[in-house]
Amino acid sequence: MSEACVQAAGALFDLALKLEREATHRAMDELKRRRLGYLEPLDREAA
């Protein structure tokens, strides 16, 4: 492969990693929100 192709492949790989990382963080944040949403009513009942 030419140097330009190698650089382009590297850039695409880096972009894919970045997008995957961002999607993972969004999913984790959503899970935390849902979990807290489910726990809040239980905490109110216990109070």
PDB file of N, CA and C in Angstrom:
ATOM      1  N   MET A   1       0.849  -1.194   0.000  1.00  0.00           N
ATOM      2  CA  MET A   1       0.000   0.000   0.000  1.00  0.00           C
ATOM      3  C   MET A   1       0.886   1.246   0.000  1.00  0.00           C
ATOM      4  N   SER A   2       0.372   2.274  -0.581  1.00  0.00           N
ATOM      5  CA  SER A   2       1.129   3.521  -0.589  1.00  0.00           C
ATOM      6  C   SER A   2       1.040   4.189   0.782  1.00  0.00           C
ATOM      7  N   GLU A   3       1.940   5.095   1.010  1.00  0.00           N
ATOM      8  CA  GLU A   3       1.980   5.815   2.294  1.00  0.00           C
ATOM      9  C   GLU A   3       0.675   6.566   2.551  1.00  0.00           C
ATOM     10  N   ALA A   4       0.100   7.141   1.497  1.00  0.00           N
ATOM     11  CA  ALA A   4      -1.165   7.876   1.652  1.00  0.00           C
ATOM     12  C   ALA A   4      -2.288   6.941   2.091  1.00  0.00           C
ATOM     13  N   CYS A   5      -2.306   5.732   1.539  1.00  0.00           N
ATOM     14  CA  CYS A   5      -3.341   4.757   1.935  1.00  0.00           C
ATOM     15  C   CYS A   5      -3.167   4.346   3.388  1.00  0.00           C
ATOM     16  N   VAL A   6      -1.924   4.144   3.797  1.00  0.00           N
ATOM     17  CA  VAL A   6      -1.652   3.761   5.184  1.00  0.00           C
ATOM     18  C   VAL A   6      -2.096   4.880   6.128  1.00  0.00           C
ATOM     19  N   GLN A   7      -1.789   6.117   5.771  1.00  0.00           N
ATOM     20  CA  GLN A   7      -2.197   7.252   6.605  1.00  0.00           C
ATOM     21  C   GLN A   7      -3.715   7.372   6.654  1.00  0.00           C
ATOM     22  N   ALA A   8      -4.374   7.183   5.520  1.00  0.00           N
ATOM     23  CA  ALA A   8      -5.839   7.263   5.480  1.00  0.00           C
ATOM     24  C   ALA A   8      -6.459   6.150   6.319  1.00  0.00           C
ATOM     25  N   ALA A   9      -5.909   4.949   6.221  1.00  0.00           N
ATOM     26  CA  ALA A   9      -6.421   3.835   7.020  1.00  0.00           C
ATOM     27  C   ALA A   9      -6.234   4.115   8.508  1.00  0.00           C
ATOM     28  N   GLY A  10      -5.097   4.666   8.871  1.00  0.00           N
ATOM     29  CA  GLY A  10      -4.845   5.019  10.267  1.00  0.00           C
ATOM     30  C   GLY A  10      -5.815   6.076  10.761  1.00  0.00           C
ATOM     31  N   ALA A  11      -6.083   7.073   9.936  1.00  0.00           N
ATOM     32  CA  ALA A  11      -7.021   8.131  10.316  1.00  0.00           C
ATOM     33  C   ALA A  11      -8.432   7.576  10.483  1.00  0.00           C
ATOM     34  N   LEU A  12      -8.843   6.687   9.580  1.00  0.00           N
ATOM     35  CA  LEU A  12     -10.173   6.073   9.694  1.00  0.00           C
ATOM     36  C   LEU A  12     -10.273   5.211  10.946  1.00  0.00           C
ATOM     37  N   PHE A  13      -9.219   4.478  11.248  1.00  0.00           N
ATOM     38  CA  PHE A  13      -9.204   3.645  12.447  1.00  0.00           C
ATOM     39  C   PHE A  13      -9.311   4.512  13.700  1.00  0.00           C
ATOM     40  N   ASP A  14      -8.545   5.608  13.740  1.00  0.00           N
ATOM     41  CA  ASP A  14      -8.611   6.524  14.885  1.00  0.00           C
ATOM     42  C   ASP A  14     -10.007   7.113  15.039  1.00  0.00           C
ATOM     43  N   LEU A  15     -10.627   7.484  13.933  1.00  0.00           N
ATOM     44  CA  LEU A  15     -11.979   8.035  13.971  1.00  0.00           C
ATOM     45  C   LEU A  15     -12.972   6.992  14.478  1.00  0.00           C
ATOM     46  N   ALA A  16     -12.830   5.759  14.007  1.00  0.00           N
ATOM     47  CA  ALA A  16     -13.726   4.687  14.462  1.00  0.00           C
ATOM     48  C   ALA A  16     -13.582   4.466  15.963  1.00  0.00           C
ATOM     49  N   LEU A  17     -12.357   4.483  16.469  1.00  0.00           N
ATOM     50  CA  LEU A  17     -12.141   4.325  17.913  1.00  0.00           C
ATOM     51  C   LEU A  17     -12.784   5.466  18.695  1.00  0.00           C
ATOM     52  N   LYS A  18     -12.627   6.683  18.184  1.00  0.00           N
ATOM     53  CA  LYS A  18     -13.204   7.845  18.858  1.00  0.00           C
ATOM     54  C   LYS A  18     -14.729   7.738  18.907  1.00  0.00           C
ATOM     55  N   LEU A  19     -15.338   7.386  17.780  1.00  0.00           N
ATOM     56  CA  LEU A  19     -16.797   7.268  17.728  1.00  0.00           C
ATOM     57  C   LEU A  19     -17.294   6.149  18.636  1.00  0.00           C
ATOM     58  N   GLU A  20     -16.569   5.041  18.671  1.00  0.00           N
ATOM     59  CA  GLU A  20     -16.959   3.930  19.541  1.00  0.00           C
ATOM     60  C   GLU A  20     -16.862   4.337  21.010  1.00  0.00           C
ATOM     61  N   ARG A  21     -15.808   5.048  21.357  1.00  0.00           N
ATOM     62  CA  ARG A  21     -15.621   5.515  22.735  1.00  0.00           C
ATOM     63  C   ARG A  21     -16.756   6.462  23.138  1.00  0.00           C
ATOM     64  N   GLU A  22     -17.103   7.391  22.247  1.00  0.00           N
ATOM     65  CA  GLU A  22     -18.189   8.333  22.540  1.00  0.00           C
ATOM     66  C   GLU A  22     -19.519   7.604  22.697  1.00  0.00           C
ATOM     67  N   ALA A  23     -19.782   6.633  21.836  1.00  0.00           N
ATOM     68  CA  ALA A  23     -21.027   5.866  21.925  1.00  0.00           C
ATOM     69  C   ALA A  23     -21.079   5.072  23.225  1.00  0.00           C
ATOM     70  N   THR A  24     -19.945   4.523  23.632  1.00  0.00           N
ATOM     71  CA  THR A  24     -19.890   3.773  24.889  1.00  0.00           C
ATOM     72  C   THR A  24     -20.180   4.688  26.064  1.00  0.00           C
ATOM     73  N   HIS A  25     -19.598   5.881  26.070  1.00  0.00           N
ATOM     74  CA  HIS A  25     -19.851   6.828  27.160  1.00  0.00           C
ATOM     75  C   HIS A  25     -21.315   7.251  27.198  1.00  0.00           C
ATOM     76  N   ARG A  26     -21.910   7.489  26.026  1.00  0.00           N
ATOM     77  CA  ARG A  26     -23.330   7.851  25.992  1.00  0.00           C
ATOM     78  C   ARG A  26     -24.193   6.721  26.538  1.00  0.00           C
ATOM     79  N   ALA A  27     -23.872   5.493  26.156  1.00  0.00           N
ATOM     80  CA  ALA A  27     -24.642   4.342  26.638  1.00  0.00           C
ATOM     81  C   ALA A  27     -24.490   4.179  28.143  1.00  0.00           C
ATOM     82  N   MET A  28     -23.283   4.365  28.657  1.00  0.00           N
ATOM     83  CA  MET A  28     -23.065   4.250  30.106  1.00  0.00           C
ATOM     84  C   MET A  28     -23.819   5.347  30.854  1.00  0.00           C
ATOM     85  N   ASP A  29     -23.801   6.561  30.313  1.00  0.00           N
ATOM     86  CA  ASP A  29     -24.541   7.658  30.940  1.00  0.00           C
ATOM     87  C   ASP A  29     -26.036   7.356  30.966  1.00  0.00           C
ATOM     88  N   GLU A  30     -26.553   6.814  29.870  1.00  0.00           N
ATOM     89  CA  GLU A  30     -27.977   6.476  29.810  1.00  0.00           C
ATOM     90  C   GLU A  30     -28.314   5.384  30.826  1.00  0.00           C
ATOM     91  N   LEU A  31     -27.458   4.388  30.949  1.00  0.00           N
ATOM     92  CA  LEU A  31     -27.688   3.337  31.945  1.00  0.00           C
ATOM     93  C   LEU A  31     -27.689   3.909  33.359  1.00  0.00           C
ATOM     94  N   LYS A  32     -26.769   4.819  33.638  1.00  0.00           N
ATOM     95  CA  LYS A  32     -26.726   5.444  34.968  1.00  0.00           C
ATOM     96  C   LYS A  32     -28.008   6.223  35.235  1.00  0.00           C
ATOM     97  N   ARG A  33     -28.473   6.985  34.235  1.00  0.00           N
ATOM     98  CA  ARG A  33     -29.708   7.761  34.407  1.00  0.00           C
ATOM     99  C   ARG A  33     -30.893   6.836  34.675  1.00  0.00           C
ATOM    100  N   ARG A  34     -30.974   5.764  33.899  1.00  0.00           N
ATOM    101  CA  ARG A  34     -32.094   4.825  34.096  1.00  0.00           C
ATOM    102  C   ARG A  34     -32.010   4.169  35.465  1.00  0.00           C
ATOM    103  N   ARG A  35     -30.815   3.793  35.860  1.00  0.00           N
ATOM    104  CA  ARG A  35     -30.636   3.140  37.156  1.00  0.00           C
ATOM    105  C   ARG A  35     -31.023   4.093  38.279  1.00  0.00           C
ATOM    106  N   LEU A  36     -30.590   5.333  38.188  1.00  0.00           N
ATOM    107  CA  LEU A  36     -30.952   6.316  39.209  1.00  0.00           C
ATOM    108  C   LEU A  36     -32.449   6.574  39.188  1.00  0.00           C
ATOM    109  N   GLY A  37     -33.034   6.583  38.002  1.00  0.00           N
ATOM    110  CA  GLY A  37     -34.476   6.781  37.892  1.00  0.00           C
ATOM    111  C   GLY A  37     -35.250   5.680  38.581  1.00  0.00           C
ATOM    112  N   TYR A  38     -34.726   4.456  38.499  1.00  0.00           N
ATOM    113  CA  TYR A  38     -35.403   3.336  39.155  1.00  0.00           C
ATOM    114  C   TYR A  38     -35.163   3.353  40.657  1.00  0.00           C
ATOM    115  N   LEU A  39     -34.021   3.863  41.086  1.00  0.00           N
ATOM    116  CA  LEU A  39     -33.691   3.845  42.513  1.00  0.00           C
ATOM    117  C   LEU A  39     -34.371   4.970  43.279  1.00  0.00           C
ATOM    118  N   GLU A  40     -34.625   6.086  42.629  1.00  0.00           N
ATOM    119  CA  GLU A  40     -35.224   7.222  43.341  1.00  0.00           C
ATOM    120  C   GLU A  40     -36.558   6.868  43.995  1.00  0.00           C
ATOM    121  N   PRO A  41     -37.495   6.219  43.309  1.00  0.00           N
ATOM    122  CA  PRO A  41     -38.762   5.889  43.979  1.00  0.00           C
ATOM    123  C   PRO A  41     -38.557   4.968  45.184  1.00  0.00           C
ATOM    124  N   LEU A  42     -37.608   4.039  45.098  1.00  0.00           N
ATOM    125  CA  LEU A  42     -37.338   3.152  46.227  1.00  0.00           C
ATOM    126  C   LEU A  42     -36.815   3.945  47.417  1.00  0.00           C
ATOM    127  N   ASP A  43     -35.956   4.918  47.147  1.00  0.00           N
ATOM    128  CA  ASP A  43     -35.413   5.736  48.228  1.00  0.00           C
ATOM    129  C   ASP A  43     -36.520   6.560  48.879  1.00  0.00           C
ATOM    130  N   ARG A  44     -37.447   7.065  48.088  1.00  0.00           N
ATOM    131  CA  ARG A  44     -38.550   7.863  48.645  1.00  0.00           C
ATOM    132  C   ARG A  44     -39.446   6.991  49.515  1.00  0.00           C
ATOM    133  N   GLU A  45     -39.685   5.747  49.113  1.00  0.00           N
ATOM    134  CA  GLU A  45     -40.528   4.856  49.911  1.00  0.00           C
ATOM    135  C   GLU A  45     -39.854   4.502  51.232  1.00  0.00           C
ATOM    136  N   ALA A  46     -38.534   4.370  51.201  1.00  0.00           N
ATOM    137  CA  ALA A  46     -37.804   4.007  52.413  1.00  0.00           C
ATOM    138  C   ALA A  46     -37.751   5.172  53.391  1.00  0.00           C
ATOM    139  N   ALA A  47     -37.872   6.393  52.903  1.00  0.00           N
ATOM    140  CA  ALA A  47     -37.760   7.578  53.777  1.00  0.00           C
ATOM    141  C   ALA A  47     -38.997   7.764  54.636  1.00  0.00           C
TER     142      ALA A  47
END
